[in-house]
Amino acid sequence: MGRIRLDSLSDLGRHGYCLKAVCVTCGHHRLLDASQLQQICIRRRWSMTLDAVEARLKCGICGGQDITAAPWVRE
């Protein structure tokens, strides 16, 4: 069995994952739909790599920009 690469939003969507974002400042977390994020990135002509997306995220509770994001299995 081989490993799958999860380097971009399209990879997440293709393999049924979402993106779990956690604010380092306040601990708030949220599951984000990869296909919705992908559409936003396409409209704004942003990179869809997970590193680039993570750098653009902002906490909806405290406004912090120190966010960690990782692939998460959709439930």
C-alpha atoms as a PDB file:
ATOM      1  CA  MET A   1       0.000   0.000   0.000  1.00  0.00           C
ATOM      2  CA  GLY A   2       1.446   3.374  -0.997  1.00  0.00           C
ATOM      3  CA  ARG A   3       1.281   6.691   0.718  1.00  0.00           C
ATOM      4  CA  ILE A   4      -0.871   9.512  -0.571  1.00  0.00           C
ATOM      5  CA  ARG A   5       0.442  13.046  -0.882  1.00  0.00           C
ATOM      6  CA  LEU A   6      -1.558  15.772   0.793  1.00  0.00           C
ATOM      7  CA  ASP A   7       0.299  18.914  -0.258  1.00  0.00           C
ATOM      8  CA  SER A   8      -2.547  21.027  -1.651  1.00  0.00           C
ATOM      9  CA  LEU A   9      -6.256  21.686  -1.259  1.00  0.00           C
ATOM     10  CA  SER A  10      -7.001  19.682  -4.396  1.00  0.00           C
ATOM     11  CA  ASP A  11      -5.164  16.683  -2.875  1.00  0.00           C
ATOM     12  CA  LEU A  12      -7.309  16.964   0.268  1.00  0.00           C
ATOM     13  CA  GLY A  13     -10.555  17.114  -1.693  1.00  0.00           C
ATOM     14  CA  ARG A  14      -9.574  14.251  -3.980  1.00  0.00           C
ATOM     15  CA  HIS A  15      -8.879  11.939  -1.037  1.00  0.00           C
ATOM     16  CA  GLY A  16     -11.824  12.983   1.150  1.00  0.00           C
ATOM     17  CA  TYR A  17      -9.980  15.086   3.717  1.00  0.00           C
ATOM     18  CA  CYS A  18     -10.795  18.482   5.159  1.00  0.00           C
ATOM     19  CA  LEU A  19      -8.438  20.952   6.819  1.00  0.00           C
ATOM     20  CA  LYS A  20      -8.325  21.297  10.606  1.00  0.00           C
ATOM     21  CA  ALA A  21      -7.177  24.765  11.651  1.00  0.00           C
ATOM     22  CA  VAL A  22      -6.145  25.436  15.258  1.00  0.00           C
ATOM     23  CA  CYS A  23      -5.374  28.875  16.695  1.00  0.00           C
ATOM     24  CA  VAL A  24      -2.187  28.679  18.738  1.00  0.00           C
ATOM     25  CA  THR A  25      -3.167  31.827  20.668  1.00  0.00           C
ATOM     26  CA  CYS A  26      -6.619  30.877  21.986  1.00  0.00           C
ATOM     27  CA  GLY A  27      -6.977  27.184  21.092  1.00  0.00           C
ATOM     28  CA  HIS A  28     -10.068  27.652  18.905  1.00  0.00           C
ATOM     29  CA  HIS A  29     -10.303  25.002  16.189  1.00  0.00           C
ATOM     30  CA  ARG A  30     -12.396  24.565  13.088  1.00  0.00           C
ATOM     31  CA  LEU A  31     -12.768  22.056  10.287  1.00  0.00           C
ATOM     32  CA  LEU A  32     -12.616  23.743   6.888  1.00  0.00           C
ATOM     33  CA  ASP A  33     -13.973  22.272   3.669  1.00  0.00           C
ATOM     34  CA  ALA A  34     -11.118  21.862   1.183  1.00  0.00           C
ATOM     35  CA  SER A  35     -13.294  22.430  -1.904  1.00  0.00           C
ATOM     36  CA  GLN A  36     -14.664  25.720  -0.544  1.00  0.00           C
ATOM     37  CA  LEU A  37     -11.162  26.917   0.310  1.00  0.00           C
ATOM     38  CA  GLN A  38     -10.020  25.847  -3.140  1.00  0.00           C
ATOM     39  CA  GLN A  39     -12.713  27.984  -4.785  1.00  0.00           C
ATOM     40  CA  ILE A  40     -11.672  31.011  -2.706  1.00  0.00           C
ATOM     41  CA  CYS A  41      -8.032  30.506  -3.714  1.00  0.00           C
ATOM     42  CA  ILE A  42      -8.975  30.194  -7.385  1.00  0.00           C
ATOM     43  CA  ARG A  43     -11.061  33.390  -7.304  1.00  0.00           C
ATOM     44  CA  ARG A  44      -8.296  35.342  -5.575  1.00  0.00           C
ATOM     45  CA  ARG A  45      -5.480  33.691  -7.561  1.00  0.00           C
ATOM     46  CA  TRP A  46      -3.759  32.445  -4.410  1.00  0.00           C
ATOM     47  CA  SER A  47      -1.554  29.400  -4.112  1.00  0.00           C
ATOM     48  CA  MET A  48      -3.400  26.257  -2.990  1.00  0.00           C
ATOM     49  CA  THR A  49      -0.492  24.590  -1.218  1.00  0.00           C
ATOM     50  CA  LEU A  50      -1.227  23.839   2.418  1.00  0.00           C
ATOM     51  CA  ASP A  51       1.676  25.995   3.598  1.00  0.00           C
ATOM     52  CA  ALA A  52       0.370  29.007   1.654  1.00  0.00           C
ATOM     53  CA  VAL A  53      -3.197  28.477   2.862  1.00  0.00           C
ATOM     54  CA  GLU A  54      -2.070  28.085   6.473  1.00  0.00           C
ATOM     55  CA  ALA A  55      -0.192  31.413   6.249  1.00  0.00           C
ATOM     56  CA  ARG A  56      -3.402  33.208   5.176  1.00  0.00           C
ATOM     57  CA  LEU A  57      -5.682  31.820   7.896  1.00  0.00           C
ATOM     58  CA  LYS A  58      -6.923  34.013  10.734  1.00  0.00           C
ATOM     59  CA  CYS A  59      -8.794  33.018  13.909  1.00  0.00           C
ATOM     60  CA  GLY A  60     -12.474  33.947  13.871  1.00  0.00           C
ATOM     61  CA  ILE A  61     -12.539  34.286  17.666  1.00  0.00           C
ATOM     62  CA  CYS A  62      -9.423  36.223  18.725  1.00  0.00           C
ATOM     63  CA  GLY A  63      -8.187  37.454  15.324  1.00  0.00           C
ATOM     64  CA  GLY A  64      -4.829  35.749  15.816  1.00  0.00           C
ATOM     65  CA  GLN A  65      -2.796  34.771  12.786  1.00  0.00           C
ATOM     66  CA  ASP A  66      -0.704  32.062  14.444  1.00  0.00           C
ATOM     67  CA  ILE A  67      -2.676  29.156  12.981  1.00  0.00           C
ATOM     68  CA  THR A  68      -1.598  25.572  12.473  1.00  0.00           C
ATOM     69  CA  ALA A  69      -3.459  23.566   9.861  1.00  0.00           C
ATOM     70  CA  ALA A  70      -3.342  19.885   8.997  1.00  0.00           C
ATOM     71  CA  PRO A  71      -5.306  17.386   6.913  1.00  0.00           C
ATOM     72  CA  TRP A  72      -8.172  15.810   8.834  1.00  0.00           C
ATOM     73  CA  VAL A  73     -10.357  12.837   7.930  1.00  0.00           C
ATOM     74  CA  ARG A  74     -13.902  13.962   7.219  1.00  0.00           C
ATOM     75  CA  GLU A  75     -16.449  12.355   9.528  1.00  0.00           C
END
